[in-house]
Structures are given as structure tokens and as C-alpha cells.
Amino acid sequence: MKKLGSTRSAKPRGACNDRARRRLRRRLSGGLLLLVALTVAGGLAAVLTPTPQVAVADESSSALLRTGKQLFDTSCVSCHGANLQGVPDHGPSLIGVGEAAVYFQVSTGRMPAMRGEAQAPRKEPIFDESQIDAIGAYVQANGGGPTVVRNPDGSLAMRSLRGEDVGRGGDLFRLNCSSCHNFTGKGGALSSGKYAPDLGPANEQQILTAMLTGPQSMPKFSDHQLSFEAKKDIIGYVKTVTEERQPGGYGLGGFGPAPEGMAAWIIGMVAAIGLALWIGARAS
């Protein structure tokens, strides 16, 4: 009887231990499953969440910005203000003009302006390319705006900006530009002492940045008005007509039919008068 009782009393204790172990296993499995689920969720969140666009400048770009600020403070701040906000009756705001405007104005020597004129003329630049890049980077970092176009190696794009469809470029140039710059890009007079400059000395990047920023009296041409490919075709046309040799010999400035007609009239009149004098001399 004692053995039977002891066996019966041992079974409930064993059953309790089994139930406790099962509960422990369930808790451990639940915790493990929760841990796995959290790990998977965290991994998916890390993969699917877009990386925040945080502007972190490396040391070289920081040095470029410091150089640009120094050059701006010594050569530009008196007209354009310490915060690029402009100075009344001296210079416009540079907020939003971008490095494209800086490149055009500074690389063509129009800025810094030496004196107040109706229009800043083209002249030799006082800054080299690296200094122009630094000023452009500083203005771009503090106001944004159109940028210059660069090659994959970081150099300024030039020949690659020439479009292949020169005929289309000529049509677009005559439609949008020839009223001021003439059909061959030689420029011409405008009102109030201003003028459209000769495009012959301009490089490809300068023509592009002029279209992007609209310097002086020139309008801006956004990508909605002229696509990037259309701008390239215009550049290709301009460089073709300004670099090609005149088939007639002397181009008379390339100003179109007015000087050509005047030259034909003068030459014809001189020839007619000379012929009349020769005939009169023979008759006498």
C-alpha cells in the first residue's frame, strides 16, 4: 500500500514539472519569435526607408567654399551684400542665380564691374578658372539656382555641348535670338545704350549659361521653353557660323543684307562713274 501511494503521489509532481517545462518552452518560443519578428521588421525598415539627403561636405568642398567666400568678400560684397541680398543702386541679389550666372559674368570679365555703365562689356577676366569655380560654389551653396554642365571627370563641358542638328539649331536661333544677335551672332544695338554682344568670342559653356540665366537684357530660356537638347543645337549652330570661313571672302561684319546691299550699291556706283569718266575721256 505504501508503494502504491508513493507512486500515485509522484505522478502529480511529475505532471506539474512537465506542465511547467511546457509553459517555459512556450514563453521562450514566443520571445524568440518576437525577437525574430522585430529583427525582420527592423531590417525591412532599414532597406525600405529612403536615405535622408543630408548635405555633408567633405574637406575639399569645404575648402572650396571657404575660398569662394574669401573671394566674394573681397571682390563682390560691396555691390551684392554680405548675404547675397544685393545693395540698392549698386548690385542685384544673387540669391537663386546659381553658379551658372557666376560663371557667365565672371569668366567673360563682365564682373567685377570696374565702373557703372548701361551694360557691362566683355573683357579679360581677372579670376582664373579655379577661382571662378570657388565663387560659383559659394553662391550656389547659399542661394541655389542653375548650375554649369560638367564632364564626368569634373571639368567644364565644352565641345560636348555642341548639338549635332545644326539645321534645327539655326531655325531655333533665328526664331529666338536673331532679332538681337543678328542671323550670324554678330550682335547689334539695343535701346538705352545697350547692345547684344558678338557671340564669336563666347565659348560653349558661356552660351549655355547665358541662355540659362538671361544676363543684361537677354531673357531666360528655361527647359520648358527650350529643352537642353535644343540649347545644344543652338550652341552648335552659333559655333558653326562664328568659326566657319566666309565663302565670299570678306563677311562685311556678318550683319546681314543691309551692309551687303550698301557695299554692292557703293561698288556699283563707283564702277559706273569710273566707266562714264573713262568713256568721256576716250571721246575727247
C-alpha atoms as a PDB file:
ATOM      1  CA  MET A   1       0.000   0.000   0.000  1.00  0.00           C
ATOM      2  CA  LYS A   2       2.847   2.395   0.772  1.00  0.00           C
ATOM      3  CA  LYS A   3       4.458   1.778  -2.586  1.00  0.00           C
ATOM      4  CA  LEU A   4       1.191   2.375  -4.389  1.00  0.00           C
ATOM      5  CA  GLY A   5       0.622   5.638  -2.509  1.00  0.00           C
ATOM      6  CA  SER A   6       4.118   6.844  -3.155  1.00  0.00           C
ATOM      7  CA  THR A   7       3.739   6.122  -6.890  1.00  0.00           C
ATOM      8  CA  ARG A   8       0.457   7.964  -7.046  1.00  0.00           C
ATOM      9  CA  SER A   9       1.915  10.957  -5.195  1.00  0.00           C
ATOM     10  CA  ALA A  10       4.939  11.091  -7.542  1.00  0.00           C
ATOM     11  CA  LYS A  11       2.827  11.247 -10.710  1.00  0.00           C
ATOM     12  CA  PRO A  12       1.174  14.595  -9.954  1.00  0.00           C
ATOM     13  CA  ARG A  13       4.552  16.080  -9.141  1.00  0.00           C
ATOM     14  CA  GLY A  14       5.968  14.824 -12.484  1.00  0.00           C
ATOM     15  CA  ALA A  15       2.946  16.129 -14.355  1.00  0.00           C
ATOM     16  CA  CYS A  16       3.376  19.543 -12.755  1.00  0.00           C
ATOM     17  CA  ASN A  17       7.006  19.597 -13.783  1.00  0.00           C
ATOM     18  CA  ASP A  18       6.051  18.710 -17.367  1.00  0.00           C
ATOM     19  CA  ARG A  19       3.467  21.474 -17.482  1.00  0.00           C
ATOM     20  CA  ALA A  20       5.965  23.970 -16.106  1.00  0.00           C
ATOM     21  CA  ARG A  21       8.517  22.969 -18.716  1.00  0.00           C
ATOM     22  CA  ARG A  22       5.926  23.280 -21.474  1.00  0.00           C
ATOM     23  CA  ARG A  23       4.953  26.744 -20.259  1.00  0.00           C
ATOM     24  CA  LEU A  24       8.609  27.751 -20.161  1.00  0.00           C
ATOM     25  CA  ARG A  25       9.150  26.440 -23.695  1.00  0.00           C
ATOM     26  CA  ARG A  26       6.089  28.340 -24.913  1.00  0.00           C
ATOM     27  CA  ARG A  27       7.338  31.533 -23.317  1.00  0.00           C
ATOM     28  CA  LEU A  28      10.807  31.069 -24.729  1.00  0.00           C
ATOM     29  CA  SER A  29       9.410  30.278 -28.209  1.00  0.00           C
ATOM     30  CA  GLY A  30       7.136  33.336 -28.065  1.00  0.00           C
ATOM     31  CA  GLY A  31      10.024  35.549 -27.032  1.00  0.00           C
ATOM     32  CA  LEU A  32      12.214  34.084 -29.764  1.00  0.00           C
ATOM     33  CA  LEU A  33       9.503  34.597 -32.381  1.00  0.00           C
ATOM     34  CA  LEU A  34       9.015  38.177 -31.190  1.00  0.00           C
ATOM     35  CA  LEU A  35      12.764  38.787 -31.410  1.00  0.00           C
ATOM     36  CA  VAL A  36      12.893  37.354 -34.948  1.00  0.00           C
ATOM     37  CA  ALA A  37       9.884  39.452 -35.989  1.00  0.00           C
ATOM     38  CA  LEU A  38      11.433  42.619 -34.597  1.00  0.00           C
ATOM     39  CA  THR A  39      14.725  41.845 -36.333  1.00  0.00           C
ATOM     40  CA  VAL A  40      12.996  41.276 -39.678  1.00  0.00           C
ATOM     41  CA  ALA A  41      10.894  44.420 -39.270  1.00  0.00           C
ATOM     42  CA  GLY A  42      13.970  46.470 -38.439  1.00  0.00           C
ATOM     43  CA  GLY A  43      15.827  45.111 -41.450  1.00  0.00           C
ATOM     44  CA  LEU A  44      12.926  45.852 -43.792  1.00  0.00           C
ATOM     45  CA  ALA A  45      12.605  49.360 -42.378  1.00  0.00           C
ATOM     46  CA  ALA A  46      16.302  49.975 -42.923  1.00  0.00           C
ATOM     47  CA  VAL A  47      16.077  48.746 -46.516  1.00  0.00           C
ATOM     48  CA  LEU A  48      12.832  50.474 -47.490  1.00  0.00           C
ATOM     49  CA  THR A  49      13.304  53.780 -45.691  1.00  0.00           C
ATOM     50  CA  PRO A  50      14.940  56.305 -48.072  1.00  0.00           C
ATOM     51  CA  THR A  51      18.292  57.632 -47.025  1.00  0.00           C
ATOM     52  CA  PRO A  52      17.918  61.238 -45.841  1.00  0.00           C
ATOM     53  CA  GLN A  53      19.574  63.739 -48.146  1.00  0.00           C
ATOM     54  CA  VAL A  54      21.940  65.337 -45.699  1.00  0.00           C
ATOM     55  CA  ALA A  55      24.436  67.729 -47.193  1.00  0.00           C
ATOM     56  CA  VAL A  56      27.728  66.703 -45.697  1.00  0.00           C
ATOM     57  CA  ALA A  57      30.607  68.498 -47.343  1.00  0.00           C
ATOM     58  CA  ASP A  58      33.944  66.774 -47.425  1.00  0.00           C
ATOM     59  CA  GLU A  59      37.138  68.625 -46.713  1.00  0.00           C
ATOM     60  CA  SER A  60      37.802  69.584 -50.338  1.00  0.00           C
ATOM     61  CA  SER A  61      34.358  71.100 -50.863  1.00  0.00           C
ATOM     62  CA  SER A  62      34.623  72.894 -47.524  1.00  0.00           C
ATOM     63  CA  ALA A  63      37.935  74.388 -48.633  1.00  0.00           C
ATOM     64  CA  LEU A  64      36.350  75.400 -51.950  1.00  0.00           C
ATOM     65  CA  LEU A  65      33.515  77.176 -50.133  1.00  0.00           C
ATOM     66  CA  ARG A  66      35.951  78.943 -47.815  1.00  0.00           C
ATOM     67  CA  THR A  67      37.974  80.164 -50.789  1.00  0.00           C
ATOM     68  CA  GLY A  68      34.810  81.260 -52.558  1.00  0.00           C
ATOM     69  CA  LYS A  69      33.652  83.240 -49.539  1.00  0.00           C
ATOM     70  CA  GLN A  70      37.026  84.956 -49.235  1.00  0.00           C
ATOM     71  CA  LEU A  71      36.976  85.963 -52.908  1.00  0.00           C
ATOM     72  CA  PHE A  72      33.355  87.090 -52.647  1.00  0.00           C
ATOM     73  CA  ASP A  73      34.065  89.180 -49.563  1.00  0.00           C
ATOM     74  CA  THR A  74      36.996  90.941 -51.214  1.00  0.00           C
ATOM     75  CA  SER A  75      35.559  91.489 -54.714  1.00  0.00           C
ATOM     76  CA  CYS A  76      31.761  91.229 -54.677  1.00  0.00           C
ATOM     77  CA  VAL A  77      30.318  92.082 -51.264  1.00  0.00           C
ATOM     78  CA  SER A  78      30.297  95.870 -51.754  1.00  0.00           C
ATOM     79  CA  CYS A  79      27.733  95.566 -54.559  1.00  0.00           C
ATOM     80  CA  HIS A  80      25.934  92.311 -53.775  1.00  0.00           C
ATOM     81  CA  GLY A  81      25.826  92.381 -49.964  1.00  0.00           C
ATOM     82  CA  ALA A  82      27.247  90.127 -47.285  1.00  0.00           C
ATOM     83  CA  ASN A  83      24.273  87.764 -47.534  1.00  0.00           C
ATOM     84  CA  LEU A  84      23.966  87.914 -51.350  1.00  0.00           C
ATOM     85  CA  GLN A  85      20.838  90.039 -50.899  1.00  0.00           C
ATOM     86  CA  GLY A  86      22.081  92.832 -53.169  1.00  0.00           C
ATOM     87  CA  VAL A  87      22.723  96.508 -52.482  1.00  0.00           C
ATOM     88  CA  PRO A  88      20.234  99.131 -53.774  1.00  0.00           C
ATOM     89  CA  ASP A  89      21.628 101.181 -56.678  1.00  0.00           C
ATOM     90  CA  HIS A  90      24.793  99.076 -56.680  1.00  0.00           C
ATOM     91  CA  GLY A  91      24.103  95.437 -57.471  1.00  0.00           C
ATOM     92  CA  PRO A  92      21.262  92.892 -57.643  1.00  0.00           C
ATOM     93  CA  SER A  93      20.599  89.988 -55.304  1.00  0.00           C
ATOM     94  CA  LEU A  94      22.486  86.805 -56.132  1.00  0.00           C
ATOM     95  CA  ILE A  95      20.081  84.514 -54.303  1.00  0.00           C
ATOM     96  CA  GLY A  96      18.868  81.935 -56.791  1.00  0.00           C
ATOM     97  CA  VAL A  97      21.114  82.932 -59.702  1.00  0.00           C
ATOM     98  CA  GLY A  98      23.338  79.876 -59.217  1.00  0.00           C
ATOM     99  CA  GLU A  99      26.883  79.141 -60.286  1.00  0.00           C
ATOM    100  CA  ALA A 100      25.805  79.392 -63.943  1.00  0.00           C
ATOM    101  CA  ALA A 101      25.334  83.162 -63.620  1.00  0.00           C
ATOM    102  CA  VAL A 102      28.641  83.477 -61.772  1.00  0.00           C
ATOM    103  CA  TYR A 103      30.448  81.566 -64.498  1.00  0.00           C
ATOM    104  CA  PHE A 104      28.996  83.675 -67.301  1.00  0.00           C
ATOM    105  CA  GLN A 105      29.553  87.050 -65.662  1.00  0.00           C
ATOM    106  CA  VAL A 106      32.998  86.377 -64.196  1.00  0.00           C
ATOM    107  CA  SER A 107      34.518  84.247 -66.979  1.00  0.00           C
ATOM    108  CA  THR A 108      33.613  86.910 -69.558  1.00  0.00           C
ATOM    109  CA  GLY A 109      35.164  89.649 -67.419  1.00  0.00           C
ATOM    110  CA  ARG A 110      31.876  91.495 -67.021  1.00  0.00           C
ATOM    111  CA  MET A 111      32.135  91.078 -63.265  1.00  0.00           C
ATOM    112  CA  PRO A 112      33.510  92.515 -61.093  1.00  0.00           C
ATOM    113  CA  ALA A 113      32.373  95.740 -62.763  1.00  0.00           C
ATOM    114  CA  MET A 114      35.013  98.441 -62.837  1.00  0.00           C
ATOM    115  CA  ARG A 115      32.576 101.329 -63.368  1.00  0.00           C
ATOM    116  CA  GLY A 116      28.881 101.944 -63.743  1.00  0.00           C
ATOM    117  CA  GLU A 117      27.728 101.583 -67.352  1.00  0.00           C
ATOM    118  CA  ALA A 118      24.483 100.925 -69.175  1.00  0.00           C
ATOM    119  CA  GLN A 119      25.876  97.468 -69.904  1.00  0.00           C
ATOM    120  CA  ALA A 120      28.988  95.714 -68.650  1.00  0.00           C
ATOM    121  CA  PRO A 121      31.284  94.971 -71.615  1.00  0.00           C
ATOM    122  CA  ARG A 122      33.191  91.764 -72.198  1.00  0.00           C
ATOM    123  CA  LYS A 123      36.841  91.977 -71.172  1.00  0.00           C
ATOM    124  CA  GLU A 124      39.649  89.788 -69.901  1.00  0.00           C
ATOM    125  CA  PRO A 125      38.632  88.020 -66.662  1.00  0.00           C
ATOM    126  CA  ILE A 126      40.550  88.861 -63.503  1.00  0.00           C
ATOM    127  CA  PHE A 127      39.933  85.440 -61.909  1.00  0.00           C
ATOM    128  CA  ASP A 128      41.228  82.104 -63.135  1.00  0.00           C
ATOM    129  CA  GLU A 129      39.048  79.026 -63.599  1.00  0.00           C
ATOM    130  CA  SER A 130      39.638  77.623 -60.102  1.00  0.00           C
ATOM    131  CA  GLN A 131      38.714  80.950 -58.503  1.00  0.00           C
ATOM    132  CA  ILE A 132      35.577  81.200 -60.644  1.00  0.00           C
ATOM    133  CA  ASP A 133      34.637  77.679 -59.521  1.00  0.00           C
ATOM    134  CA  ALA A 134      35.101  78.701 -55.890  1.00  0.00           C
ATOM    135  CA  ILE A 135      32.930  81.821 -56.169  1.00  0.00           C
ATOM    136  CA  GLY A 136      30.304  79.847 -58.073  1.00  0.00           C
ATOM    137  CA  ALA A 137      30.275  77.109 -55.427  1.00  0.00           C
ATOM    138  CA  TYR A 138      29.812  79.698 -52.676  1.00  0.00           C
ATOM    139  CA  VAL A 139      26.902  81.418 -54.454  1.00  0.00           C
ATOM    140  CA  GLN A 140      25.351  78.045 -55.304  1.00  0.00           C
ATOM    141  CA  ALA A 141      25.607  76.848 -51.699  1.00  0.00           C
ATOM    142  CA  ASN A 142      23.957  79.977 -50.327  1.00  0.00           C
ATOM    143  CA  GLY A 143      21.168  80.536 -52.814  1.00  0.00           C
ATOM    144  CA  GLY A 144      20.846  77.695 -55.284  1.00  0.00           C
ATOM    145  CA  GLY A 145      19.969  78.156 -58.943  1.00  0.00           C
ATOM    146  CA  PRO A 146      21.153  76.928 -62.359  1.00  0.00           C
ATOM    147  CA  THR A 147      24.456  75.087 -62.455  1.00  0.00           C
ATOM    148  CA  VAL A 148      27.156  74.743 -65.071  1.00  0.00           C
ATOM    149  CA  VAL A 149      27.444  71.488 -67.016  1.00  0.00           C
ATOM    150  CA  ARG A 150      30.474  69.333 -66.300  1.00  0.00           C
ATOM    151  CA  ASN A 151      32.086  66.310 -67.887  1.00  0.00           C
ATOM    152  CA  PRO A 152      32.266  63.028 -65.932  1.00  0.00           C
ATOM    153  CA  ASP A 153      35.792  63.942 -64.796  1.00  0.00           C
ATOM    154  CA  GLY A 154      34.539  67.195 -63.243  1.00  0.00           C
ATOM    155  CA  SER A 155      35.905  69.549 -65.899  1.00  0.00           C
ATOM    156  CA  LEU A 156      33.659  72.101 -67.586  1.00  0.00           C
ATOM    157  CA  ALA A 157      31.850  70.732 -70.622  1.00  0.00           C
ATOM    158  CA  MET A 158      32.710  72.499 -73.882  1.00  0.00           C
ATOM    159  CA  ARG A 159      32.731  70.513 -77.135  1.00  0.00           C
ATOM    160  CA  SER A 160      30.160  68.077 -75.775  1.00  0.00           C
ATOM    161  CA  LEU A 161      27.658  70.958 -75.590  1.00  0.00           C
ATOM    162  CA  ARG A 162      27.586  71.301 -79.378  1.00  0.00           C
ATOM    163  CA  GLY A 163      24.432  69.709 -80.737  1.00  0.00           C
ATOM    164  CA  GLU A 164      24.593  67.663 -83.917  1.00  0.00           C
ATOM    165  CA  ASP A 165      21.458  69.091 -85.581  1.00  0.00           C
ATOM    166  CA  VAL A 166      22.875  72.409 -86.773  1.00  0.00           C
ATOM    167  CA  GLY A 167      19.916  72.997 -89.089  1.00  0.00           C
ATOM    168  CA  ARG A 168      17.461  72.754 -86.206  1.00  0.00           C
ATOM    169  CA  GLY A 169      19.752  74.965 -84.139  1.00  0.00           C
ATOM    170  CA  GLY A 170      19.704  77.578 -86.899  1.00  0.00           C
ATOM    171  CA  ASP A 171      15.903  77.554 -87.004  1.00  0.00           C
ATOM    172  CA  LEU A 172      15.702  77.964 -83.222  1.00  0.00           C
ATOM    173  CA  PHE A 173      18.338  80.700 -83.240  1.00  0.00           C
ATOM    174  CA  ARG A 174      16.539  82.693 -85.930  1.00  0.00           C
ATOM    175  CA  LEU A 175      13.270  82.316 -84.046  1.00  0.00           C
ATOM    176  CA  ASN A 176      14.541  83.203 -80.557  1.00  0.00           C
ATOM    177  CA  CYS A 177      17.849  85.056 -80.866  1.00  0.00           C
ATOM    178  CA  SER A 178      18.435  86.695 -84.253  1.00  0.00           C
ATOM    179  CA  SER A 179      16.304  89.768 -83.519  1.00  0.00           C
ATOM    180  CA  CYS A 180      19.059  90.899 -81.125  1.00  0.00           C
ATOM    181  CA  HIS A 181      22.171  88.924 -82.072  1.00  0.00           C
ATOM    182  CA  ASN A 182      21.670  89.007 -85.853  1.00  0.00           C
ATOM    183  CA  PHE A 183      21.498  85.933 -88.052  1.00  0.00           C
ATOM    184  CA  THR A 184      25.186  85.134 -87.666  1.00  0.00           C
ATOM    185  CA  GLY A 185      25.578  86.035 -83.983  1.00  0.00           C
ATOM    186  CA  LYS A 186      27.402  89.318 -84.592  1.00  0.00           C
ATOM    187  CA  GLY A 187      25.134  91.239 -82.235  1.00  0.00           C
ATOM    188  CA  GLY A 188      23.636  94.679 -82.647  1.00  0.00           C
ATOM    189  CA  ALA A 189      22.440  97.835 -80.940  1.00  0.00           C
ATOM    190  CA  LEU A 190      19.528  97.869 -78.477  1.00  0.00           C
ATOM    191  CA  SER A 191      17.736 100.693 -76.694  1.00  0.00           C
ATOM    192  CA  SER A 192      19.015 102.784 -73.755  1.00  0.00           C
ATOM    193  CA  GLY A 193      22.668 102.430 -74.687  1.00  0.00           C
ATOM    194  CA  LYS A 194      22.609  98.637 -74.513  1.00  0.00           C
ATOM    195  CA  TYR A 195      23.586  96.132 -77.171  1.00  0.00           C
ATOM    196  CA  ALA A 196      23.530  92.434 -77.955  1.00  0.00           C
ATOM    197  CA  PRO A 197      27.164  91.273 -77.900  1.00  0.00           C
ATOM    198  CA  ASP A 198      29.033  89.433 -80.611  1.00  0.00           C
ATOM    199  CA  LEU A 199      28.853  85.700 -79.897  1.00  0.00           C
ATOM    200  CA  GLY A 200      32.114  84.923 -81.670  1.00  0.00           C
ATOM    201  CA  PRO A 201      34.354  85.101 -78.559  1.00  0.00           C
ATOM    202  CA  ALA A 202      31.895  83.151 -76.384  1.00  0.00           C
ATOM    203  CA  ASN A 203      32.687  79.516 -75.623  1.00  0.00           C
ATOM    204  CA  GLU A 204      30.062  76.791 -75.466  1.00  0.00           C
ATOM    205  CA  GLN A 205      29.601  76.977 -71.691  1.00  0.00           C
ATOM    206  CA  GLN A 206      29.182  80.757 -71.811  1.00  0.00           C
ATOM    207  CA  ILE A 207      26.463  80.498 -74.464  1.00  0.00           C
ATOM    208  CA  LEU A 208      24.647  77.860 -72.401  1.00  0.00           C
ATOM    209  CA  THR A 209      24.860  79.767 -69.119  1.00  0.00           C
ATOM    210  CA  ALA A 210      23.647  82.924 -70.874  1.00  0.00           C
ATOM    211  CA  MET A 211      20.540  81.052 -72.017  1.00  0.00           C
ATOM    212  CA  LEU A 212      20.023  79.658 -68.510  1.00  0.00           C
ATOM    213  CA  THR A 213      20.419  82.931 -66.619  1.00  0.00           C
ATOM    214  CA  GLY A 214      19.421  85.739 -69.000  1.00  0.00           C
ATOM    215  CA  PRO A 215      22.154  88.337 -68.411  1.00  0.00           C
ATOM    216  CA  GLN A 216      21.622  92.046 -69.125  1.00  0.00           C
ATOM    217  CA  SER A 217      18.580  92.478 -71.426  1.00  0.00           C
ATOM    218  CA  MET A 218      18.528  88.840 -72.527  1.00  0.00           C
ATOM    219  CA  PRO A 219      15.549  86.698 -71.477  1.00  0.00           C
ATOM    220  CA  LYS A 220      15.975  83.416 -69.632  1.00  0.00           C
ATOM    221  CA  PHE A 221      15.246  80.223 -71.540  1.00  0.00           C
ATOM    222  CA  SER A 222      14.064  77.526 -69.158  1.00  0.00           C
ATOM    223  CA  ASP A 223      13.843  73.873 -70.133  1.00  0.00           C
ATOM    224  CA  HIS A 224      10.116  74.402 -70.690  1.00  0.00           C
ATOM    225  CA  GLN A 225      10.897  76.973 -73.395  1.00  0.00           C
ATOM    226  CA  LEU A 226      13.980  75.343 -74.865  1.00  0.00           C
ATOM    227  CA  SER A 227      14.971  71.817 -73.909  1.00  0.00           C
ATOM    228  CA  PHE A 228      18.582  71.016 -73.112  1.00  0.00           C
ATOM    229  CA  GLU A 229      18.959  69.307 -76.497  1.00  0.00           C
ATOM    230  CA  ALA A 230      17.514  72.387 -78.228  1.00  0.00           C
ATOM    231  CA  LYS A 231      20.027  74.584 -76.411  1.00  0.00           C
ATOM    232  CA  LYS A 232      22.832  72.282 -77.560  1.00  0.00           C
ATOM    233  CA  ASP A 233      21.656  72.564 -81.178  1.00  0.00           C
ATOM    234  CA  ILE A 234      21.650  76.370 -80.882  1.00  0.00           C
ATOM    235  CA  ILE A 235      25.198  76.244 -79.498  1.00  0.00           C
ATOM    236  CA  GLY A 236      26.228  74.006 -82.392  1.00  0.00           C
ATOM    237  CA  TYR A 237      24.773  76.487 -84.885  1.00  0.00           C
ATOM    238  CA  VAL A 238      26.391  79.526 -83.249  1.00  0.00           C
ATOM    239  CA  LYS A 239      29.837  77.923 -83.151  1.00  0.00           C
ATOM    240  CA  THR A 240      29.452  76.797 -86.762  1.00  0.00           C
ATOM    241  CA  VAL A 241      28.587  80.245 -88.150  1.00  0.00           C
ATOM    242  CA  THR A 242      31.133  82.087 -85.999  1.00  0.00           C
ATOM    243  CA  GLU A 243      34.018  79.733 -86.761  1.00  0.00           C
ATOM    244  CA  GLU A 244      33.486  78.918 -90.445  1.00  0.00           C
ATOM    245  CA  ARG A 245      35.328  80.788 -93.159  1.00  0.00           C
ATOM    246  CA  GLN A 246      33.184  83.193 -95.192  1.00  0.00           C
ATOM    247  CA  PRO A 247      32.622  81.656 -98.649  1.00  0.00           C
ATOM    248  CA  GLY A 248      32.554  85.124-100.255  1.00  0.00           C
ATOM    249  CA  GLY A 249      35.862  86.171 -98.784  1.00  0.00           C
ATOM    250  CA  TYR A 250      35.045  89.190 -96.626  1.00  0.00           C
ATOM    251  CA  GLY A 251      31.917  88.861 -94.498  1.00  0.00           C
ATOM    252  CA  LEU A 252      31.286  92.613 -94.026  1.00  0.00           C
ATOM    253  CA  GLY A 253      30.864  92.055 -90.318  1.00  0.00           C
ATOM    254  CA  GLY A 254      28.180  89.417 -90.808  1.00  0.00           C
ATOM    255  CA  PHE A 255      25.415  91.935 -90.162  1.00  0.00           C
ATOM    256  CA  GLY A 256      23.161  90.680 -92.924  1.00  0.00           C
ATOM    257  CA  PRO A 257      21.643  92.214 -96.065  1.00  0.00           C
ATOM    258  CA  ALA A 258      21.884  95.917 -95.090  1.00  0.00           C
ATOM    259  CA  PRO A 259      25.695  96.288 -95.198  1.00  0.00           C
ATOM    260  CA  GLU A 260      25.898  93.831 -98.080  1.00  0.00           C
ATOM    261  CA  GLY A 261      23.390  95.875-100.094  1.00  0.00           C
ATOM    262  CA  MET A 262      25.179  99.109 -99.199  1.00  0.00           C
ATOM    263  CA  ALA A 263      28.508  97.642-100.285  1.00  0.00           C
ATOM    264  CA  ALA A 264      27.010  96.455-103.587  1.00  0.00           C
ATOM    265  CA  TRP A 265      25.462  99.898-104.223  1.00  0.00           C
ATOM    266  CA  ILE A 266      28.686 101.789-103.462  1.00  0.00           C
ATOM    267  CA  ILE A 267      30.825  99.454-105.559  1.00  0.00           C
ATOM    268  CA  GLY A 268      28.309  99.617-108.409  1.00  0.00           C
ATOM    269  CA  MET A 269      28.111 103.420-108.322  1.00  0.00           C
ATOM    270  CA  VAL A 270      31.890 103.790-108.230  1.00  0.00           C
ATOM    271  CA  ALA A 271      32.200 101.382-111.152  1.00  0.00           C
ATOM    272  CA  ALA A 272      29.507 103.234-113.153  1.00  0.00           C
ATOM    273  CA  ILE A 273      31.071 106.649-112.514  1.00  0.00           C
ATOM    274  CA  GLY A 274      34.506 105.326-113.377  1.00  0.00           C
ATOM    275  CA  LEU A 275      33.177 103.802-116.606  1.00  0.00           C
ATOM    276  CA  ALA A 276      31.453 107.087-117.544  1.00  0.00           C
ATOM    277  CA  LEU A 277      34.632 109.057-116.928  1.00  0.00           C
ATOM    278  CA  TRP A 278      36.633 106.585-118.996  1.00  0.00           C
ATOM    279  CA  ILE A 279      34.173 106.786-121.889  1.00  0.00           C
ATOM    280  CA  GLY A 280      34.206 110.602-121.703  1.00  0.00           C
ATOM    281  CA  ALA A 281      37.971 110.655-121.723  1.00  0.00           C
ATOM    282  CA  ARG A 282      38.082 108.401-124.786  1.00  0.00           C
ATOM    283  CA  ALA A 283      35.533 110.553-126.622  1.00  0.00           C
ATOM    284  CA  SER A 284      37.529 113.703-126.073  1.00  0.00           C
END
